[in-house]
Amino acid sequence: MLIQVSRTGGFAGIPRDCEVNTSGRPDAAEWEDLAETALADGAAAPPTGVPDGFRYRITVDGRTTHCADPQLTDAQRALITRVLKEGA
């Protein structure tokens, strides 16, 4: 499963894109469950968000959802944090 996260907005407005491919990872099932939950909790269109807040686009195997601070669910926040930390 290919999980991609794009972050835009924030005070500096610097975009960031990262991805993680779960194929062959020993923790693939955990990543995939988290990704499916995050997708289900998102919106089809980018939300408005708040001034200087981050907006996110999460794409999992070609399926995309959008979310924004401060309305992230626990699953979205966990997935975004993991992908931005471990992704390339």
N, C-alpha and C. Protein backbone atom coordinates (compact mmCIF):
# COMPACT_ATOMS: atom_id res chain seq x y z
N MET A 1 0.86 -1.17 0.00
CA MET A 1 0.00 0.00 0.00
C MET A 1 0.90 1.23 0.00
N LEU A 2 0.61 2.17 -0.88
CA LEU A 2 1.35 3.42 -0.93
C LEU A 2 0.53 4.50 -0.23
N ILE A 3 1.12 5.10 0.81
CA ILE A 3 0.46 6.14 1.59
C ILE A 3 1.23 7.44 1.37
N GLN A 4 0.52 8.46 0.88
CA GLN A 4 1.13 9.76 0.60
C GLN A 4 0.43 10.84 1.42
N VAL A 5 1.23 11.75 1.96
CA VAL A 5 0.69 12.89 2.72
C VAL A 5 1.31 14.16 2.16
N SER A 6 0.44 15.11 1.83
CA SER A 6 0.88 16.44 1.41
C SER A 6 0.38 17.44 2.44
N ARG A 7 1.29 18.27 2.93
CA ARG A 7 0.93 19.28 3.93
C ARG A 7 1.16 20.65 3.32
N THR A 8 0.16 21.52 3.45
CA THR A 8 0.28 22.90 2.99
C THR A 8 -0.18 23.83 4.11
N GLY A 9 0.09 25.12 3.94
CA GLY A 9 -0.34 26.11 4.92
C GLY A 9 0.71 26.32 5.99
N GLY A 10 0.24 26.64 7.16
CA GLY A 10 1.15 26.94 8.25
C GLY A 10 1.65 28.37 8.17
N PHE A 11 2.38 28.79 9.17
CA PHE A 11 2.87 30.16 9.27
C PHE A 11 3.79 30.50 8.10
N ALA A 12 4.71 29.60 7.76
CA ALA A 12 5.67 29.87 6.69
C ALA A 12 5.13 29.51 5.31
N GLY A 13 4.08 28.69 5.25
CA GLY A 13 3.49 28.33 3.97
C GLY A 13 4.36 27.40 3.13
N ILE A 14 5.25 26.65 3.75
CA ILE A 14 6.14 25.76 3.02
C ILE A 14 5.48 24.39 2.88
N PRO A 15 5.21 23.95 1.65
CA PRO A 15 4.57 22.64 1.47
C PRO A 15 5.55 21.50 1.76
N ARG A 16 5.00 20.36 2.14
CA ARG A 16 5.82 19.18 2.40
C ARG A 16 5.07 17.95 1.91
N ASP A 17 5.77 17.10 1.17
CA ASP A 17 5.19 15.87 0.63
C ASP A 17 6.05 14.68 1.05
N CYS A 18 5.43 13.65 1.60
CA CYS A 18 6.13 12.43 1.99
C CYS A 18 5.27 11.23 1.66
N GLU A 19 5.93 10.08 1.53
CA GLU A 19 5.19 8.86 1.27
C GLU A 19 5.87 7.68 1.93
N VAL A 20 5.05 6.66 2.20
CA VAL A 20 5.53 5.41 2.77
C VAL A 20 4.88 4.28 1.99
N ASN A 21 5.70 3.32 1.56
CA ASN A 21 5.19 2.12 0.92
C ASN A 21 5.24 1.01 1.95
N THR A 22 4.10 0.42 2.26
CA THR A 22 4.03 -0.58 3.32
C THR A 22 4.42 -1.98 2.85
N SER A 23 4.62 -2.18 1.57
CA SER A 23 4.97 -3.51 1.05
C SER A 23 6.24 -4.02 1.70
N GLY A 24 6.16 -5.21 2.25
CA GLY A 24 7.31 -5.84 2.86
C GLY A 24 7.64 -5.39 4.26
N ARG A 25 6.90 -4.45 4.80
CA ARG A 25 7.18 -3.98 6.17
C ARG A 25 6.56 -4.96 7.16
N PRO A 26 7.24 -5.23 8.26
CA PRO A 26 6.66 -6.11 9.27
C PRO A 26 5.43 -5.50 9.95
N ASP A 27 5.33 -4.18 9.93
CA ASP A 27 4.19 -3.50 10.54
C ASP A 27 3.17 -3.01 9.51
N ALA A 28 3.14 -3.64 8.34
CA ALA A 28 2.27 -3.21 7.25
C ALA A 28 0.79 -3.20 7.64
N ALA A 29 0.33 -4.21 8.35
CA ALA A 29 -1.08 -4.29 8.73
C ALA A 29 -1.48 -3.11 9.61
N GLU A 30 -0.60 -2.72 10.51
CA GLU A 30 -0.87 -1.57 11.39
C GLU A 30 -1.01 -0.28 10.57
N TRP A 31 -0.05 -0.06 9.64
CA TRP A 31 -0.11 1.12 8.77
C TRP A 31 -1.40 1.11 7.94
N GLU A 32 -1.74 -0.04 7.38
CA GLU A 32 -2.90 -0.13 6.50
C GLU A 32 -4.21 0.11 7.25
N ASP A 33 -4.34 -0.42 8.45
CA ASP A 33 -5.53 -0.16 9.27
C ASP A 33 -5.65 1.32 9.60
N LEU A 34 -4.54 1.94 9.98
CA LEU A 34 -4.54 3.36 10.30
C LEU A 34 -4.90 4.20 9.07
N ALA A 35 -4.36 3.83 7.92
CA ALA A 35 -4.64 4.57 6.68
C ALA A 35 -6.11 4.46 6.30
N GLU A 36 -6.69 3.29 6.41
CA GLU A 36 -8.11 3.11 6.06
C GLU A 36 -9.01 3.94 6.98
N THR A 37 -8.68 3.96 8.27
CA THR A 37 -9.47 4.76 9.20
C THR A 37 -9.34 6.25 8.90
N ALA A 38 -8.12 6.70 8.62
CA ALA A 38 -7.90 8.12 8.30
C ALA A 38 -8.64 8.52 7.04
N LEU A 39 -8.66 7.65 6.03
CA LEU A 39 -9.40 7.94 4.80
C LEU A 39 -10.89 8.08 5.07
N ALA A 40 -11.42 7.17 5.87
CA ALA A 40 -12.86 7.18 6.15
C ALA A 40 -13.29 8.43 6.90
N ASP A 41 -12.38 9.03 7.67
CA ASP A 41 -12.70 10.20 8.49
C ASP A 41 -12.55 11.52 7.75
N GLY A 42 -12.03 11.51 6.53
CA GLY A 42 -11.71 12.75 5.81
C GLY A 42 -12.87 13.28 4.97
N ALA A 43 -12.57 14.35 4.24
CA ALA A 43 -13.55 15.02 3.39
C ALA A 43 -13.12 14.91 1.93
N ALA A 44 -14.09 14.97 1.02
CA ALA A 44 -13.80 14.87 -0.41
C ALA A 44 -13.12 16.13 -0.94
N ALA A 45 -13.42 17.27 -0.34
CA ALA A 45 -12.84 18.55 -0.78
C ALA A 45 -12.01 19.14 0.35
N PRO A 46 -11.00 19.94 0.02
CA PRO A 46 -10.19 20.56 1.07
C PRO A 46 -11.03 21.44 1.99
N PRO A 47 -10.94 21.24 3.32
CA PRO A 47 -11.67 22.08 4.25
C PRO A 47 -11.01 23.45 4.38
N THR A 48 -11.75 24.39 4.93
CA THR A 48 -11.24 25.75 5.09
C THR A 48 -10.10 25.83 6.08
N GLY A 49 -10.21 25.15 7.19
CA GLY A 49 -9.15 25.19 8.21
C GLY A 49 -9.16 26.51 8.96
N VAL A 50 -8.04 26.85 9.57
CA VAL A 50 -7.89 28.08 10.33
C VAL A 50 -6.67 28.84 9.81
N PRO A 51 -6.61 30.16 10.03
CA PRO A 51 -5.44 30.92 9.58
C PRO A 51 -4.15 30.32 10.16
N ASP A 52 -3.15 30.20 9.32
CA ASP A 52 -1.83 29.66 9.69
C ASP A 52 -1.88 28.20 10.14
N GLY A 53 -2.99 27.53 9.92
CA GLY A 53 -3.08 26.11 10.24
C GLY A 53 -2.66 25.27 9.04
N PHE A 54 -2.36 24.01 9.29
CA PHE A 54 -1.98 23.12 8.20
C PHE A 54 -3.20 22.46 7.59
N ARG A 55 -3.12 22.23 6.29
CA ARG A 55 -4.12 21.45 5.56
C ARG A 55 -3.39 20.24 4.99
N TYR A 56 -4.10 19.11 4.93
CA TYR A 56 -3.47 17.87 4.51
C TYR A 56 -4.28 17.18 3.42
N ARG A 57 -3.55 16.55 2.50
CA ARG A 57 -4.15 15.65 1.52
C ARG A 57 -3.52 14.29 1.77
N ILE A 58 -4.37 13.31 2.05
CA ILE A 58 -3.92 11.94 2.29
C ILE A 58 -4.38 11.10 1.11
N THR A 59 -3.42 10.43 0.46
CA THR A 59 -3.74 9.57 -0.67
C THR A 59 -3.23 8.17 -0.36
N VAL A 60 -4.13 7.21 -0.47
CA VAL A 60 -3.79 5.81 -0.20
C VAL A 60 -4.19 5.00 -1.43
N ASP A 61 -3.18 4.50 -2.13
CA ASP A 61 -3.41 3.71 -3.35
C ASP A 61 -4.40 4.39 -4.29
N GLY A 62 -4.22 5.69 -4.51
CA GLY A 62 -5.04 6.43 -5.46
C GLY A 62 -6.33 6.99 -4.91
N ARG A 63 -6.68 6.68 -3.68
CA ARG A 63 -7.89 7.23 -3.05
C ARG A 63 -7.46 8.40 -2.17
N THR A 64 -8.11 9.55 -2.34
CA THR A 64 -7.66 10.77 -1.66
C THR A 64 -8.74 11.34 -0.75
N THR A 65 -8.29 11.86 0.38
CA THR A 65 -9.16 12.58 1.30
C THR A 65 -8.42 13.82 1.79
N HIS A 66 -9.14 14.76 2.33
CA HIS A 66 -8.57 16.02 2.81
C HIS A 66 -8.98 16.25 4.26
N CYS A 67 -8.10 16.93 5.00
CA CYS A 67 -8.39 17.30 6.39
C CYS A 67 -7.53 18.50 6.76
N ALA A 68 -7.84 19.12 7.89
CA ALA A 68 -7.11 20.32 8.30
C ALA A 68 -7.08 20.43 9.82
N ASP A 69 -6.01 21.09 10.31
CA ASP A 69 -5.94 21.44 11.72
C ASP A 69 -7.00 22.48 12.01
N PRO A 70 -7.61 22.50 13.13
CA PRO A 70 -7.45 21.64 14.30
C PRO A 70 -8.46 20.50 14.34
N GLN A 71 -9.14 20.22 13.23
CA GLN A 71 -10.20 19.20 13.22
C GLN A 71 -9.73 17.81 12.83
N LEU A 72 -8.48 17.47 13.03
CA LEU A 72 -7.99 16.14 12.69
C LEU A 72 -8.51 15.11 13.68
N THR A 73 -8.84 13.93 13.16
CA THR A 73 -9.20 12.83 14.06
C THR A 73 -7.90 12.23 14.61
N ASP A 74 -8.03 11.37 15.60
CA ASP A 74 -6.85 10.73 16.17
C ASP A 74 -6.12 9.91 15.11
N ALA A 75 -6.87 9.20 14.27
CA ALA A 75 -6.25 8.37 13.22
C ALA A 75 -5.53 9.24 12.20
N GLN A 76 -6.15 10.34 11.79
CA GLN A 76 -5.50 11.24 10.83
C GLN A 76 -4.22 11.82 11.41
N ARG A 77 -4.28 12.29 12.62
CA ARG A 77 -3.10 12.88 13.26
C ARG A 77 -1.97 11.84 13.38
N ALA A 78 -2.31 10.63 13.79
CA ALA A 78 -1.31 9.58 13.94
C ALA A 78 -0.69 9.21 12.59
N LEU A 79 -1.51 9.06 11.57
CA LEU A 79 -1.00 8.70 10.25
C LEU A 79 -0.13 9.81 9.67
N ILE A 80 -0.60 11.03 9.74
CA ILE A 80 0.16 12.17 9.23
C ILE A 80 1.52 12.28 9.93
N THR A 81 1.52 12.16 11.24
CA THR A 81 2.76 12.26 12.00
C THR A 81 3.74 11.16 11.59
N ARG A 82 3.24 9.94 11.45
CA ARG A 82 4.11 8.81 11.08
C ARG A 82 4.66 8.96 9.68
N VAL A 83 3.82 9.34 8.74
CA VAL A 83 4.29 9.48 7.35
C VAL A 83 5.29 10.63 7.23
N LEU A 84 5.00 11.76 7.86
CA LEU A 84 5.93 12.88 7.77
C LEU A 84 7.26 12.58 8.48
N LYS A 85 7.22 11.72 9.50
CA LYS A 85 8.44 11.36 10.22
C LYS A 85 9.25 10.31 9.46
N GLU A 86 8.59 9.25 8.97
CA GLU A 86 9.29 8.13 8.37
C GLU A 86 9.36 8.17 6.85
N GLY A 87 8.50 8.96 6.24
CA GLY A 87 8.43 8.99 4.78
C GLY A 87 9.56 9.75 4.11
N ALA A 88 9.69 9.47 2.85
CA ALA A 88 10.71 10.16 2.05
C ALA A 88 10.07 11.21 1.17
